[in-house]
């Protein structure tokens, strides 16, 4: 009978230990998820030197800069 009580308390202790472990893992996952979401919602800008601001319209910005007769084909000769 004493062995049965010991096994019962050992079982209860194991269940409580597993529950505490799973709770701590869940809190770590929640904390990481919250930190990830907070980082995504913050806009961070880092300026390292010169900044170029393009104020052209989208149509002008999407135009080709290189003429049509240049840059399409490069002849390669092996030495």
C-alpha atoms as a PDB file:
ATOM      1  CA  UNK A   1       0.000   0.000   0.000  1.00  0.00           C
ATOM      2  CA  UNK A   2       2.877   2.353   0.745  1.00  0.00           C
ATOM      3  CA  UNK A   3       4.367   1.668  -2.687  1.00  0.00           C
ATOM      4  CA  UNK A   4       1.031   2.511  -4.309  1.00  0.00           C
ATOM      5  CA  UNK A   5       0.845   5.849  -2.452  1.00  0.00           C
ATOM      6  CA  UNK A   6       4.445   6.608  -3.404  1.00  0.00           C
ATOM      7  CA  UNK A   7       3.734   5.876  -7.080  1.00  0.00           C
ATOM      8  CA  UNK A   8       0.595   8.027  -6.930  1.00  0.00           C
ATOM      9  CA  UNK A   9       2.502  11.008  -5.483  1.00  0.00           C
ATOM     10  CA  UNK A  10       5.296  10.442  -7.981  1.00  0.00           C
ATOM     11  CA  UNK A  11       2.724  10.472 -10.797  1.00  0.00           C
ATOM     12  CA  UNK A  12       1.124  13.690  -9.486  1.00  0.00           C
ATOM     13  CA  UNK A  13       4.568  15.292  -9.140  1.00  0.00           C
ATOM     14  CA  UNK A  14       5.400  14.312 -12.735  1.00  0.00           C
ATOM     15  CA  UNK A  15       2.144  15.743 -14.072  1.00  0.00           C
ATOM     16  CA  UNK A  16       2.717  19.020 -12.202  1.00  0.00           C
ATOM     17  CA  UNK A  17       6.332  19.211 -13.441  1.00  0.00           C
ATOM     18  CA  UNK A  18       5.241  18.637 -17.048  1.00  0.00           C
ATOM     19  CA  UNK A  19       2.484  21.256 -16.677  1.00  0.00           C
ATOM     20  CA  UNK A  20       4.967  23.823 -15.352  1.00  0.00           C
ATOM     21  CA  UNK A  21       7.386  23.037 -18.186  1.00  0.00           C
ATOM     22  CA  UNK A  22       4.682  23.380 -20.855  1.00  0.00           C
ATOM     23  CA  UNK A  23       3.472  26.634 -19.293  1.00  0.00           C
ATOM     24  CA  UNK A  24       6.973  28.116 -19.413  1.00  0.00           C
ATOM     25  CA  UNK A  25       7.408  27.026 -23.047  1.00  0.00           C
ATOM     26  CA  UNK A  26       4.040  28.593 -23.922  1.00  0.00           C
ATOM     27  CA  UNK A  27       5.039  31.871 -22.246  1.00  0.00           C
ATOM     28  CA  UNK A  28       8.321  31.941 -24.176  1.00  0.00           C
ATOM     29  CA  UNK A  29       6.484  31.390 -27.467  1.00  0.00           C
ATOM     30  CA  UNK A  30       3.963  34.115 -26.635  1.00  0.00           C
ATOM     31  CA  UNK A  31       6.743  36.516 -25.671  1.00  0.00           C
ATOM     32  CA  UNK A  32       8.634  35.840 -28.901  1.00  0.00           C
ATOM     33  CA  UNK A  33       5.481  36.273 -30.969  1.00  0.00           C
ATOM     34  CA  UNK A  34       4.669  39.563 -29.240  1.00  0.00           C
ATOM     35  CA  UNK A  35       8.234  40.817 -29.740  1.00  0.00           C
ATOM     36  CA  UNK A  36       8.115  39.840 -33.427  1.00  0.00           C
ATOM     37  CA  UNK A  37       4.831  41.697 -33.960  1.00  0.00           C
ATOM     38  CA  UNK A  38       6.092  44.814 -32.178  1.00  0.00           C
ATOM     39  CA  UNK A  39       9.202  44.886 -34.338  1.00  0.00           C
ATOM     40  CA  UNK A  40       7.132  44.531 -37.501  1.00  0.00           C
ATOM     41  CA  UNK A  41       4.864  47.424 -36.577  1.00  0.00           C
ATOM     42  CA  UNK A  42       7.714  49.841 -35.903  1.00  0.00           C
ATOM     43  CA  UNK A  43       9.163  51.709 -38.833  1.00  0.00           C
ATOM     44  CA  UNK A  44      12.881  52.030 -38.555  1.00  0.00           C
ATOM     45  CA  UNK A  45      14.909  54.287 -40.784  1.00  0.00           C
ATOM     46  CA  UNK A  46      18.679  54.361 -40.805  1.00  0.00           C
ATOM     47  CA  UNK A  47      20.498  57.037 -42.755  1.00  0.00           C
ATOM     48  CA  UNK A  48      24.131  56.338 -43.530  1.00  0.00           C
ATOM     49  CA  UNK A  49      25.338  59.211 -45.677  1.00  0.00           C
ATOM     50  CA  UNK A  50      23.637  60.750 -48.705  1.00  0.00           C
ATOM     51  CA  UNK A  51      19.916  60.323 -49.211  1.00  0.00           C
ATOM     52  CA  UNK A  52      18.352  60.531 -52.670  1.00  0.00           C
ATOM     53  CA  UNK A  53      14.672  61.431 -52.880  1.00  0.00           C
ATOM     54  CA  UNK A  54      13.008  60.730 -56.227  1.00  0.00           C
ATOM     55  CA  UNK A  55      10.174  63.198 -56.792  1.00  0.00           C
ATOM     56  CA  UNK A  56       9.370  62.099 -60.346  1.00  0.00           C
ATOM     57  CA  UNK A  57       5.992  60.731 -61.285  1.00  0.00           C
ATOM     58  CA  UNK A  58       5.707  56.928 -61.487  1.00  0.00           C
ATOM     59  CA  UNK A  59       5.477  57.161 -65.285  1.00  0.00           C
ATOM     60  CA  UNK A  60       8.720  59.134 -65.534  1.00  0.00           C
ATOM     61  CA  UNK A  61      10.469  56.893 -63.024  1.00  0.00           C
ATOM     62  CA  UNK A  62       9.578  53.741 -64.957  1.00  0.00           C
ATOM     63  CA  UNK A  63      10.915  55.026 -68.297  1.00  0.00           C
ATOM     64  CA  UNK A  64      14.072  53.445 -69.686  1.00  0.00           C
ATOM     65  CA  UNK A  65      17.171  55.528 -69.195  1.00  0.00           C
ATOM     66  CA  UNK A  66      19.304  53.632 -71.705  1.00  0.00           C
ATOM     67  CA  UNK A  67      18.327  54.230 -75.355  1.00  0.00           C
ATOM     68  CA  UNK A  68      16.785  51.313 -77.247  1.00  0.00           C
ATOM     69  CA  UNK A  69      19.828  50.854 -79.477  1.00  0.00           C
ATOM     70  CA  UNK A  70      22.240  50.509 -76.519  1.00  0.00           C
ATOM     71  CA  UNK A  71      22.762  47.780 -73.987  1.00  0.00           C
ATOM     72  CA  UNK A  72      20.653  45.053 -75.520  1.00  0.00           C
ATOM     73  CA  UNK A  73      23.437  42.934 -77.016  1.00  0.00           C
ATOM     74  CA  UNK A  74      27.083  42.648 -76.055  1.00  0.00           C
ATOM     75  CA  UNK A  75      29.400  40.826 -78.388  1.00  0.00           C
ATOM     76  CA  UNK A  76      31.817  38.597 -76.550  1.00  0.00           C
ATOM     77  CA  UNK A  77      35.078  37.416 -78.015  1.00  0.00           C
ATOM     78  CA  UNK A  78      37.215  34.897 -76.229  1.00  0.00           C
ATOM     79  CA  UNK A  79      40.922  35.683 -76.141  1.00  0.00           C
END
